[in-house]
Amino acid sequence: MSGNRRKAFLVSAALMGGAMLMTACQNADAATDAGASQGSSSSSPVATAATPSGSSTGGGGQSSDATNNDTSTGTGKGSEDGAGSGVDTGGGKREPVEQGCGANDISWSTRSESQAGGYILVVAKAKAGITCYLPAALPTVAFGSDGTQAGPAEQSVGEQIKLSGSTAAYAGVNPKTTGTDGGKELDSIIVGIGDDDFDPVSLPVGTITVDEPVVTNWHTDPADAVPFN
């Protein structure tokens, strides 16, 4: 081997050896750093993972809130047993909502009476199996195709009436309160439970003359339903 080639070979070998030595040193340093890091972690207190407020680390990591939601036994406000029905009357109690009468809840009848110059007595009974309440207000009584409506025969409203079974309510209708010969001849009246009743009924009454009619409140005694002028 010539001197120049030998010199080149030695230089190349020296360079390769230096590169290998540098690589070995870097690996050793990395291993030393990793060992130092592990030693530092083992010498310091073990960190505990933070647990979110309200959750549990037991039971496979399931939240205790979920369990509480599934087993809740709270009752609704104003109900005694959690049923939640009725009207809140205060003090955590509820009263059942009573059904108001509609004209189609009632069996109707009429009869002519001679007292007080003559009037029509309207009789209302609840249909079988129905319990409902007539409001403390005038019945709605209208006449003819023009809808002439009876005014009040009393100055104050009566009491609410519960209809059930054989209980009856009575209202007196005077179709003509004027002393003149005028008026219109009709043979039926239309009766509803208040102005908001969507199912008023037409009741036959025979031929009557209608002129400024009036009607009493509902009463449980027919003697109280006479429409005196």
Protein backbone atom coordinates (compact mmCIF):
# COMPACT_ATOMS: atom_id res chain seq x y z
CA MET A 1 0.00 0.00 0.00
CA SER A 2 1.47 3.37 -0.98
CA GLY A 3 2.00 6.11 1.56
CA ASN A 4 -0.80 8.28 0.22
CA ARG A 5 -3.34 5.47 0.18
CA ARG A 6 -2.35 4.37 3.69
CA LYS A 7 -2.73 7.93 4.95
CA ALA A 8 -6.16 8.25 3.37
CA PHE A 9 -7.26 4.92 4.90
CA LEU A 10 -6.12 5.96 8.37
CA VAL A 11 -7.91 9.29 8.10
CA SER A 12 -11.11 7.55 7.02
CA ALA A 13 -10.82 4.99 9.84
CA ALA A 14 -10.21 7.78 12.34
CA LEU A 15 -13.30 9.66 11.13
CA MET A 16 -15.50 6.54 11.36
CA GLY A 17 -14.16 5.76 14.82
CA GLY A 18 -14.87 9.31 15.99
CA ALA A 19 -18.42 9.13 14.65
CA MET A 20 -19.05 5.82 16.42
CA LEU A 21 -17.59 7.20 19.63
CA MET A 22 -19.82 10.28 19.48
CA THR A 23 -22.91 8.09 18.88
CA ALA A 24 -22.02 5.89 21.85
CA CYS A 25 -21.56 8.92 24.06
CA GLN A 26 -24.95 10.35 23.02
CA ASN A 27 -26.71 7.05 23.77
CA ALA A 28 -25.00 6.84 27.15
CA ASP A 29 -26.01 10.41 27.96
CA ALA A 30 -29.62 9.69 26.99
CA ALA A 31 -29.67 6.57 29.15
CA THR A 32 -28.12 8.54 32.04
CA ASP A 33 -30.75 11.31 31.65
CA ALA A 34 -33.59 8.75 31.57
CA GLY A 35 -32.24 7.02 34.67
CA ALA A 36 -31.91 10.31 36.46
CA SER A 37 -35.47 11.24 35.55
CA GLN A 38 -36.81 7.91 36.87
CA GLY A 39 -34.78 8.26 40.05
CA SER A 40 -36.14 11.74 40.57
CA SER A 41 -39.74 10.54 40.13
CA SER A 42 -39.31 7.63 42.54
CA SER A 43 -37.77 9.88 45.15
CA SER A 44 -40.60 12.45 45.00
CA PRO A 45 -44.10 11.92 46.56
CA VAL A 46 -46.50 9.95 44.32
CA ALA A 47 -48.96 12.34 42.63
CA THR A 48 -52.64 11.43 43.06
CA ALA A 49 -54.96 11.95 40.08
CA ALA A 50 -57.48 14.69 40.78
CA THR A 51 -61.03 13.41 41.18
CA PRO A 52 -63.78 15.74 39.87
CA SER A 53 -66.12 17.08 42.54
CA GLY A 54 -69.23 14.93 42.97
CA SER A 55 -67.80 11.81 41.28
CA SER A 56 -66.52 8.57 42.76
CA THR A 57 -63.44 6.53 41.93
CA GLY A 58 -65.06 3.31 43.14
CA GLY A 59 -67.36 0.92 41.30
CA GLY A 60 -65.40 0.91 38.06
CA GLY A 61 -65.18 4.69 37.90
CA GLN A 62 -68.96 5.27 37.58
CA SER A 63 -70.26 8.54 38.88
CA SER A 64 -72.29 8.43 42.08
CA ASP A 65 -74.48 11.19 40.62
CA ALA A 66 -75.84 8.77 38.03
CA THR A 67 -76.84 6.36 40.78
CA ASN A 68 -78.55 9.13 42.72
CA ASN A 69 -80.53 10.16 39.65
CA ASP A 70 -81.71 6.61 39.03
CA THR A 71 -82.92 6.05 42.61
CA SER A 72 -84.49 9.45 43.31
CA THR A 73 -87.70 9.21 45.35
CA GLY A 74 -88.58 12.92 45.62
CA THR A 75 -92.20 13.95 45.09
CA GLY A 76 -93.48 16.93 43.16
CA LYS A 77 -94.23 20.20 44.87
CA GLY A 78 -97.80 20.54 46.04
CA SER A 79 -98.67 16.86 45.78
CA GLU A 80 -99.17 14.56 48.73
CA ASP A 81 -98.11 11.34 47.03
CA GLY A 82 -96.27 12.46 43.93
CA ALA A 83 -99.36 12.16 41.73
CA GLY A 84 -99.11 15.83 40.80
CA SER A 85 -102.76 16.23 39.87
CA GLY A 86 -105.26 18.84 40.98
CA VAL A 87 -105.00 22.48 41.91
CA ASP A 88 -102.31 23.64 44.34
CA THR A 89 -104.12 25.08 47.34
CA GLY A 90 -100.94 25.88 49.31
CA GLY A 91 -99.28 24.06 52.17
CA GLY A 92 -98.13 21.26 49.89
CA LYS A 93 -101.67 20.01 49.20
CA ARG A 94 -103.74 19.67 46.06
CA GLU A 95 -107.47 19.53 45.62
CA PRO A 96 -109.13 17.55 42.79
CA VAL A 97 -110.25 19.59 39.83
CA GLU A 98 -114.05 19.43 39.62
CA GLN A 99 -115.77 19.20 36.25
CA GLY A 100 -117.95 22.11 35.21
CA CYS A 101 -121.25 21.23 33.55
CA GLY A 102 -121.77 21.66 29.84
CA ALA A 103 -125.20 21.57 28.25
CA ASN A 104 -124.44 18.10 26.82
CA ASP A 105 -123.77 16.75 30.35
CA ILE A 106 -127.37 17.45 31.37
CA SER A 107 -130.81 15.94 30.90
CA TRP A 108 -133.14 18.88 30.26
CA SER A 109 -136.86 19.39 30.69
CA THR A 110 -139.24 22.34 30.82
CA ARG A 111 -142.70 22.98 32.12
CA SER A 112 -145.06 25.95 32.07
CA GLU A 113 -145.94 27.56 35.37
CA SER A 114 -148.77 30.06 36.02
CA GLN A 115 -147.28 31.91 38.98
CA ALA A 116 -146.10 35.51 38.52
CA GLY A 117 -148.11 35.92 35.33
CA GLY A 118 -146.74 32.77 33.76
CA TYR A 119 -143.20 31.59 33.13
CA ILE A 120 -141.17 28.60 31.94
CA LEU A 121 -139.38 26.46 34.52
CA VAL A 122 -136.17 24.92 33.17
CA VAL A 123 -135.10 21.73 34.98
CA ALA A 124 -131.50 20.42 34.76
CA LYS A 125 -130.22 17.02 35.98
CA ALA A 126 -126.86 15.41 35.33
CA LYS A 127 -126.88 12.49 32.92
CA ALA A 128 -126.28 9.02 34.37
CA GLY A 129 -122.71 8.57 35.59
CA ILE A 130 -121.88 12.29 35.43
CA THR A 131 -121.09 14.61 38.34
CA CYS A 132 -120.59 18.24 37.44
CA TYR A 133 -121.03 21.75 38.78
CA LEU A 134 -123.29 24.53 37.57
CA PRO A 135 -121.47 27.84 38.03
CA ALA A 136 -122.77 30.59 40.29
CA ALA A 137 -123.98 32.55 37.27
CA LEU A 138 -127.03 33.01 35.10
CA PRO A 139 -127.83 30.31 32.58
CA THR A 140 -127.64 31.55 29.01
CA VAL A 141 -131.13 31.60 27.52
CA ALA A 142 -131.67 32.87 23.98
CA PHE A 143 -134.71 33.13 21.72
CA GLY A 144 -135.21 32.98 18.00
CA SER A 145 -132.87 33.23 15.05
CA ASP A 146 -131.76 36.70 16.09
CA GLY A 147 -130.39 35.37 19.39
CA THR A 148 -132.37 37.61 21.70
CA GLN A 149 -130.92 36.83 25.14
CA ALA A 150 -132.69 36.86 28.50
CA GLY A 151 -131.47 39.37 31.04
CA PRO A 152 -131.12 38.78 34.81
CA ALA A 153 -134.25 38.42 36.90
CA GLU A 154 -132.21 38.67 40.12
CA GLN A 155 -129.78 41.30 41.30
CA SER A 156 -127.09 38.90 42.57
CA VAL A 157 -125.76 35.53 41.48
CA GLY A 158 -126.59 32.37 43.40
CA GLU A 159 -124.45 29.50 44.67
CA GLN A 160 -122.58 26.91 42.64
CA ILE A 161 -124.67 23.73 42.40
CA LYS A 162 -123.35 20.19 42.27
CA LEU A 163 -125.39 17.98 39.95
CA SER A 164 -125.25 14.23 40.46
CA GLY A 165 -127.83 11.46 40.59
CA SER A 166 -131.32 12.77 41.26
CA THR A 167 -130.23 16.29 42.25
CA ALA A 168 -131.90 18.90 40.06
CA ALA A 169 -131.36 22.60 39.43
CA TYR A 170 -134.10 25.01 38.40
CA ALA A 171 -134.17 28.32 36.55
CA GLY A 172 -137.24 30.39 35.77
CA VAL A 173 -137.65 32.16 32.43
CA ASN A 174 -140.15 34.95 31.86
CA PRO A 175 -140.22 35.45 28.08
CA LYS A 176 -142.22 38.69 28.19
CA THR A 177 -141.80 41.40 30.80
CA THR A 178 -143.38 44.31 28.91
CA GLY A 179 -147.03 45.35 29.21
CA THR A 180 -147.48 46.00 25.51
CA ASP A 181 -148.89 43.74 22.82
CA GLY A 182 -145.60 43.58 20.92
CA GLY A 183 -143.15 40.71 20.73
CA LYS A 184 -142.33 37.72 18.56
CA GLU A 185 -144.05 34.36 18.63
CA LEU A 186 -141.69 31.40 19.22
CA ASP A 187 -142.01 27.77 20.26
CA SER A 188 -138.52 26.96 21.66
CA ILE A 189 -135.69 28.40 23.73
CA ILE A 190 -131.94 27.85 23.50
CA VAL A 191 -130.18 27.12 26.80
CA GLY A 192 -126.44 26.97 27.54
CA ILE A 193 -124.20 26.92 30.62
CA GLY A 194 -122.76 30.40 30.33
CA ASP A 195 -121.75 32.27 27.19
CA ASP A 196 -118.79 29.92 26.55
CA ASP A 197 -120.90 26.76 26.21
CA PHE A 198 -120.21 25.38 22.72
CA ASP A 199 -123.12 22.90 22.83
CA PRO A 200 -126.30 24.78 23.81
CA VAL A 201 -129.57 22.87 23.51
CA SER A 202 -132.89 23.83 21.98
CA LEU A 203 -135.85 23.08 24.27
CA PRO A 204 -139.48 23.05 23.10
CA VAL A 205 -141.75 25.27 25.20
CA GLY A 206 -144.95 25.64 23.18
CA THR A 207 -145.95 28.93 21.64
CA ILE A 208 -144.67 31.93 23.59
CA THR A 209 -144.44 35.65 23.01
CA VAL A 210 -140.95 37.02 23.59
CA ASP A 211 -140.31 40.63 24.54
CA GLU A 212 -137.47 41.67 26.87
CA PRO A 213 -137.17 38.22 28.52
CA VAL A 214 -135.46 37.53 31.88
CA VAL A 215 -134.10 34.43 33.63
CA THR A 216 -133.28 33.60 37.24
CA ASN A 217 -130.12 32.02 38.63
CA TRP A 218 -129.93 28.27 39.15
CA HIS A 219 -131.64 27.10 42.35
CA THR A 220 -132.06 23.74 44.06
CA ASP A 221 -135.63 24.62 45.10
CA PRO A 222 -138.08 25.40 42.27
CA ALA A 223 -139.92 27.83 44.55
CA ASP A 224 -136.81 30.06 44.45
CA ALA A 225 -136.77 30.09 40.64
CA VAL A 226 -139.90 32.22 40.14
CA PRO A 227 -138.98 35.24 37.96
CA PHE A 228 -140.92 37.99 39.72
CA ASN A 229 -140.88 41.33 37.95
